[in-house]
Structure formats: C-alpha cells, structure tokens
C-alpha cells in the first residue's frame, strides 16, 4: 500500500527529537511539506535542512515554548492565519513525572495548559481551513496511561485522558466536513523522554536505570521498545486518504502492552 501526502501541509508539534521528529520525517517522506515546532532552534534547523535535502521540497520551522501558553497562542495564531495546514499533529513534551500525592494544584494547572489547552487552541485555529476545503487530519499524541494509569505519571494520566475524550467528541462534530480526529496511545518507545522517566524511577526505587528498562521490556509482549520510525508509519497512514473512514479512535501503539480492550 502506497501512502501519499503530496500537496499536503503538515504542522508537527514537538518535532525536534523523539516521536515528533520521527513523525515529521515520515510525513515528509510521504510527500507532505512539514512545519516543525519545538523549543530548540538548533535542532529544528538541522532537521529542516535534512528534510529539504532528502525531499527537494521547502520545509519550515517555528521556535515555540509550549510551557509559555500565552506566547505560544500568539505565535501559532499568527502563523496559521498566513499558513493554513491540512494535517495537524498535536504533540508536546510531557509534564513532570510523579505520584498524585506529590503534585500540587499548580502542577495540574501547568499540565492542563501544556497538554490540553495548547492542543485545543491549535486545533481550533487550524479547523476553519480544513472545514472550508472539506478535508483535514488531526492526530493527538497521547499515552497508554489514559486507559491503564501509571502511578508515577499522575499529571499525564489525568490531563491526557481529558484530551482523548475531547478528541472523541470533536471527531463527531467535524466528521461531516471530511475531517478525522484520532489519538495514538503511546507505549514504551526508545526515546530520551522514556530514559528520563526510567532514571527518575530508578532513583526512587534504588535500582539502576538498566534494571528499570529491562523490567519495562519484560512487560511488553513484543519484548522490545518501540522504534520512533514505527510511530511515523502510523501517523502517515492516519494522515492519508487511506484512513478516511478511521475517525474518533484511540489507537494503542504499544507492542501489546495494554491488557484491556
């Protein structure tokens, strides 16, 4: 099956590294022109140059800090007014790890701004163009923890669950316009974010990060961590015409980690 995104404009959040970077690479390889969004201009420029060299098309980037909600809103609103997008990947860095007993009300508010309000704001600004043209793809990067909560990710568990529920609601509202809204429930992938979480868990438990990593892998039926490029393959499919009838789904990409349906 050939997936073509030729002529499509895509905005990919958190795309300087990890899963976001892998998604940007695959969307570009499938024919899309990609706008990268992240905090590190150095990494963004490197990836933008790489994409242009490999595809021969012009790609661009936005330096944005998702933790500065007001600044992000001003930046993205102005950009989308001048640069309409056909494909939107809602993805940011994760909030701090910790248990529900460790988190304050302020922590939850900051996580809500980071994970929920940025995604909703960006989507609402991108939707008018999608509605007008009768085609659009919105993909939210979420976590398996919305279905089976992880006790050391209280903020992510709570706020990402709300985002996935919102996405399901939105899917019903925009489906008549030829727009799909899907969420991907991320399992254990070989990324810097997972390593950071492993380091924190190892420190708390008094064991080595290697032991934590081995235990995680042992929980996955595939007996390995996911490769970021595998995430890119799913995102490219969801963004294509091939997935036009897949809407409102929360799709686990976890090597079989989730035990629930």
Protein backbone atom coordinates (compact mmCIF):
# COMPACT_ATOMS: atom_id res chain seq x y z
CA UNK A 1 0.00 0.00 0.00
CA UNK A 2 1.39 3.36 -1.03
CA UNK A 3 0.67 6.31 1.25
CA UNK A 4 0.82 9.67 -0.50
CA UNK A 5 0.61 13.05 1.21
CA UNK A 6 1.69 15.04 -1.82
CA UNK A 7 0.46 18.61 -1.78
CA UNK A 8 -0.42 18.49 1.93
CA UNK A 9 0.82 20.94 4.55
CA UNK A 10 1.52 19.45 7.97
CA UNK A 11 2.26 21.02 11.35
CA UNK A 12 4.11 18.70 13.74
CA UNK A 13 4.48 19.68 17.38
CA UNK A 14 7.43 18.62 19.49
CA UNK A 15 9.30 17.65 16.35
CA UNK A 16 12.93 18.40 17.21
CA UNK A 17 13.50 14.90 18.59
CA UNK A 18 11.90 11.61 19.60
CA UNK A 19 8.48 10.64 18.36
CA UNK A 20 7.68 14.07 16.93
CA UNK A 21 10.85 14.02 14.86
CA UNK A 22 10.07 10.55 13.54
CA UNK A 23 6.59 11.66 12.53
CA UNK A 24 7.95 14.71 10.72
CA UNK A 25 10.45 12.54 8.82
CA UNK A 26 7.79 10.10 7.65
CA UNK A 27 5.23 12.75 6.69
CA UNK A 28 7.89 14.47 4.61
CA UNK A 29 8.97 11.16 3.06
CA UNK A 30 5.32 10.56 2.12
CA UNK A 31 5.13 13.87 0.25
CA UNK A 32 3.97 16.46 2.77
CA UNK A 33 5.57 19.85 3.35
CA UNK A 34 6.24 19.99 7.07
CA UNK A 35 6.34 22.82 9.58
CA UNK A 36 8.36 21.78 12.62
CA UNK A 37 7.57 23.18 16.06
CA UNK A 38 9.75 22.91 19.18
CA UNK A 39 11.95 24.91 21.55
CA UNK A 40 15.41 24.24 20.14
CA UNK A 41 16.14 26.29 17.04
CA UNK A 42 19.41 24.43 16.51
CA UNK A 43 17.68 21.04 16.33
CA UNK A 44 14.81 22.42 14.26
CA UNK A 45 17.14 23.93 11.69
CA UNK A 46 19.15 20.72 11.44
CA UNK A 47 16.02 18.67 10.81
CA UNK A 48 14.56 21.23 8.41
CA UNK A 49 17.76 21.16 6.36
CA UNK A 50 17.74 17.36 6.42
CA UNK A 51 14.14 17.24 5.16
CA UNK A 52 14.83 19.69 2.35
CA UNK A 53 17.87 17.75 1.22
CA UNK A 54 16.07 14.41 1.27
CA UNK A 55 12.80 15.56 -0.36
CA UNK A 56 13.75 18.56 -2.50
CA UNK A 57 10.82 20.49 -1.02
CA UNK A 58 10.74 23.53 1.20
CA UNK A 59 10.00 22.87 4.88
CA UNK A 60 9.89 25.40 7.69
CA UNK A 61 10.02 25.60 11.46
CA UNK A 62 8.67 27.60 14.39
CA UNK A 63 10.58 28.10 17.62
CA UNK A 64 7.92 27.79 20.32
CA UNK A 65 7.82 27.07 24.04
CA UNK A 66 4.71 25.09 24.92
CA UNK A 67 5.15 25.92 28.60
CA UNK A 68 4.54 29.61 27.78
CA UNK A 69 0.87 29.32 26.86
CA UNK A 70 0.22 33.00 26.11
CA UNK A 71 3.34 33.32 23.98
CA UNK A 72 2.56 30.09 22.15
CA UNK A 73 -1.00 31.16 21.41
CA UNK A 74 0.12 34.47 19.94
CA UNK A 75 2.75 32.77 17.80
CA UNK A 76 0.61 29.93 16.47
CA UNK A 77 -2.46 32.08 15.80
CA UNK A 78 -0.47 34.47 13.65
CA UNK A 79 1.28 31.64 11.84
CA UNK A 80 -1.89 29.70 10.99
CA UNK A 81 -3.60 32.83 9.67
CA UNK A 82 -0.90 33.04 7.00
CA UNK A 83 -0.08 29.33 6.65
CA UNK A 84 -3.15 27.05 6.62
CA UNK A 85 -2.49 23.42 7.50
CA UNK A 86 -4.11 20.24 6.22
CA UNK A 87 -2.57 17.93 8.82
CA UNK A 88 -2.10 18.75 12.49
CA UNK A 89 -0.04 16.63 14.89
CA UNK A 90 -0.74 17.75 18.47
CA UNK A 91 2.35 16.79 20.43
CA UNK A 92 4.28 18.48 23.22
CA UNK A 93 6.88 17.48 25.78
CA UNK A 94 5.47 15.55 28.71
CA UNK A 95 4.76 17.07 32.14
CA UNK A 96 6.89 16.19 35.18
CA UNK A 97 6.64 12.64 36.48
CA UNK A 98 5.38 11.95 39.98
CA UNK A 99 2.58 10.39 42.01
CA UNK A 100 -0.75 12.03 42.81
CA UNK A 101 0.49 12.68 46.36
CA UNK A 102 3.44 14.68 45.06
CA UNK A 103 1.50 17.01 42.76
CA UNK A 104 0.01 20.38 43.69
CA UNK A 105 -2.94 22.22 42.18
CA UNK A 106 -0.45 24.44 40.37
CA UNK A 107 1.18 21.36 38.84
CA UNK A 108 -2.16 20.23 37.44
CA UNK A 109 -2.87 23.69 36.04
CA UNK A 110 0.50 23.82 34.29
CA UNK A 111 -0.03 20.32 32.88
CA UNK A 112 -3.52 21.31 31.69
CA UNK A 113 -2.09 24.32 29.86
CA UNK A 114 0.70 22.22 28.35
CA UNK A 115 -1.19 19.12 27.25
CA UNK A 116 -4.80 20.23 26.80
CA UNK A 117 -5.07 23.94 26.10
CA UNK A 118 -2.24 24.04 23.55
CA UNK A 119 -3.80 21.17 21.58
CA UNK A 120 -7.32 22.58 21.68
CA UNK A 121 -6.19 26.12 20.80
CA UNK A 122 -4.06 24.94 17.87
CA UNK A 123 -6.83 22.71 16.58
CA UNK A 124 -9.46 25.45 16.72
CA UNK A 125 -7.16 27.77 14.75
CA UNK A 126 -6.42 25.09 12.16
CA UNK A 127 -10.01 23.92 11.69
CA UNK A 128 -11.51 26.76 9.57
CA UNK A 129 -9.22 25.95 6.64
CA UNK A 130 -9.92 22.23 6.95
CA UNK A 131 -13.66 22.82 7.09
CA UNK A 132 -13.57 25.15 4.10
CA UNK A 133 -11.71 22.67 1.92
CA UNK A 134 -13.64 19.64 3.18
CA UNK A 135 -10.56 17.70 4.27
CA UNK A 136 -8.32 17.56 7.30
CA UNK A 137 -6.42 15.30 9.67
CA UNK A 138 -5.93 15.90 13.39
CA UNK A 139 -3.75 13.44 15.28
CA UNK A 140 -3.19 13.70 19.03
CA UNK A 141 -0.17 12.08 20.63
CA UNK A 142 -1.39 10.58 23.91
CA UNK A 143 -0.39 7.65 26.12
CA UNK A 144 -1.46 4.14 27.11
CA UNK A 145 -1.79 5.62 30.60
CA UNK A 146 -5.17 7.12 29.68
CA UNK A 147 -6.51 3.56 29.57
CA UNK A 148 -4.37 1.97 32.27
CA UNK A 149 -2.96 4.71 34.54
CA UNK A 150 0.67 4.59 35.66
CA UNK A 151 1.10 5.66 39.28
CA UNK A 152 4.23 7.73 38.59
CA UNK A 153 2.52 9.78 35.84
CA UNK A 154 -0.34 11.41 37.72
CA UNK A 155 -0.34 14.57 35.61
CA UNK A 156 -0.15 12.78 32.28
CA UNK A 157 -2.79 10.22 33.30
CA UNK A 158 -5.26 12.93 34.22
CA UNK A 159 -4.84 15.53 31.52
CA UNK A 160 -4.23 13.23 28.55
CA UNK A 161 -7.44 11.38 29.43
CA UNK A 162 -9.32 14.64 29.04
CA UNK A 163 -7.62 15.32 25.71
CA UNK A 164 -8.57 11.92 24.29
CA UNK A 165 -12.18 12.38 25.44
CA UNK A 166 -12.27 15.83 23.82
CA UNK A 167 -10.84 14.39 20.61
CA UNK A 168 -13.58 11.75 20.51
CA UNK A 169 -16.20 14.47 20.91
CA UNK A 170 -14.59 16.65 18.25
CA UNK A 171 -14.46 13.74 15.81
CA UNK A 172 -18.25 13.61 15.79
CA UNK A 173 -18.54 17.33 15.22
CA UNK A 174 -16.10 17.64 12.32
CA UNK A 175 -16.65 14.29 10.62
CA UNK A 176 -19.26 15.76 8.23
CA UNK A 177 -16.55 18.12 6.92
CA UNK A 178 -14.28 15.30 5.80
CA UNK A 179 -12.02 15.79 8.82
CA UNK A 180 -10.82 12.94 11.02
CA UNK A 181 -9.61 13.20 14.61
CA UNK A 182 -7.67 10.31 16.11
CA UNK A 183 -5.43 9.78 19.12
CA UNK A 184 -2.47 7.46 19.44
CA UNK A 185 -1.89 5.84 22.83
CA UNK A 186 1.87 5.66 23.13
CA UNK A 187 3.58 2.71 24.78
CA UNK A 188 7.24 2.36 25.64
CA UNK A 189 9.39 3.86 22.89
CA UNK A 190 13.15 4.22 22.74
CA UNK A 191 13.28 7.98 23.31
CA UNK A 192 15.00 10.48 25.60
CA UNK A 193 11.70 11.01 27.43
CA UNK A 194 11.50 7.33 28.39
CA UNK A 195 15.11 7.39 29.54
CA UNK A 196 14.38 10.38 31.75
CA UNK A 197 11.40 8.61 33.29
CA UNK A 198 13.47 5.47 33.81
CA UNK A 199 16.18 7.48 35.56
CA UNK A 200 13.64 9.00 37.95
CA UNK A 201 12.07 5.62 38.70
CA UNK A 202 15.49 4.07 39.24
CA UNK A 203 16.44 6.79 41.72
CA UNK A 204 13.17 6.37 43.61
CA UNK A 205 13.45 2.58 43.72
CA UNK A 206 17.15 2.46 44.46
CA UNK A 207 18.00 0.38 41.41
CA UNK A 208 19.85 1.01 38.15
CA UNK A 209 18.18 2.53 35.06
CA UNK A 210 19.15 -0.64 33.20
CA UNK A 211 17.08 -2.71 35.61
CA UNK A 212 14.10 -0.42 35.13
CA UNK A 213 14.46 -0.63 31.35
CA UNK A 214 14.69 -4.43 31.42
CA UNK A 215 11.55 -4.64 33.56
CA UNK A 216 9.63 -2.41 31.14
CA UNK A 217 10.68 -4.53 28.18
CA UNK A 218 9.63 -7.65 30.06
CA UNK A 219 6.09 -6.27 30.34
CA UNK A 220 5.76 -5.83 26.56
CA UNK A 221 4.68 -8.95 24.63
CA UNK A 222 6.88 -7.81 21.72
CA UNK A 223 9.83 -7.96 24.18
CA UNK A 224 11.35 -4.72 22.96
CA UNK A 225 10.86 -0.98 22.98
CA UNK A 226 9.13 0.69 20.06
CA UNK A 227 11.24 2.37 17.41
CA UNK A 228 10.29 6.01 16.75
CA UNK A 229 10.10 5.40 13.00
CA UNK A 230 7.30 2.90 13.65
CA UNK A 231 5.30 5.78 15.10
CA UNK A 232 5.92 7.73 11.91
CA UNK A 233 4.43 4.94 9.81
CA UNK A 234 1.16 5.01 11.76
CA UNK A 235 0.96 8.80 11.70
CA UNK A 236 1.47 8.90 7.93
CA UNK A 237 -1.31 6.36 7.44
CA UNK A 238 -3.71 8.26 9.70
CA UNK A 239 -2.90 11.46 7.83
CA UNK A 240 -3.64 9.93 4.43
CA UNK A 241 -6.74 9.27 2.35
CA UNK A 242 -6.28 5.58 3.16
CA UNK A 243 -7.54 6.28 6.68
CA UNK A 244 -10.55 8.39 5.68
CA UNK A 245 -13.01 6.10 7.49
CA UNK A 246 -10.96 5.87 10.69
CA UNK A 247 -12.28 8.61 12.95
CA UNK A 248 -12.59 9.16 16.69
CA UNK A 249 -10.28 6.28 17.51
CA UNK A 250 -7.78 5.91 20.36
CA UNK A 251 -5.21 3.55 18.90
CA UNK A 252 -2.67 1.80 21.15
CA UNK A 253 0.83 1.65 19.68
CA UNK A 254 2.46 -0.36 22.43
CA UNK A 255 3.69 -3.78 21.29
CA UNK A 256 0.73 -5.37 23.12
CA UNK A 257 1.43 -3.71 26.47
CA UNK A 258 -2.18 -2.84 27.30
CA UNK A 259 -4.12 -5.73 28.80
CA UNK A 260 -7.51 -4.09 28.34
CA UNK A 261 -9.53 -3.97 25.12
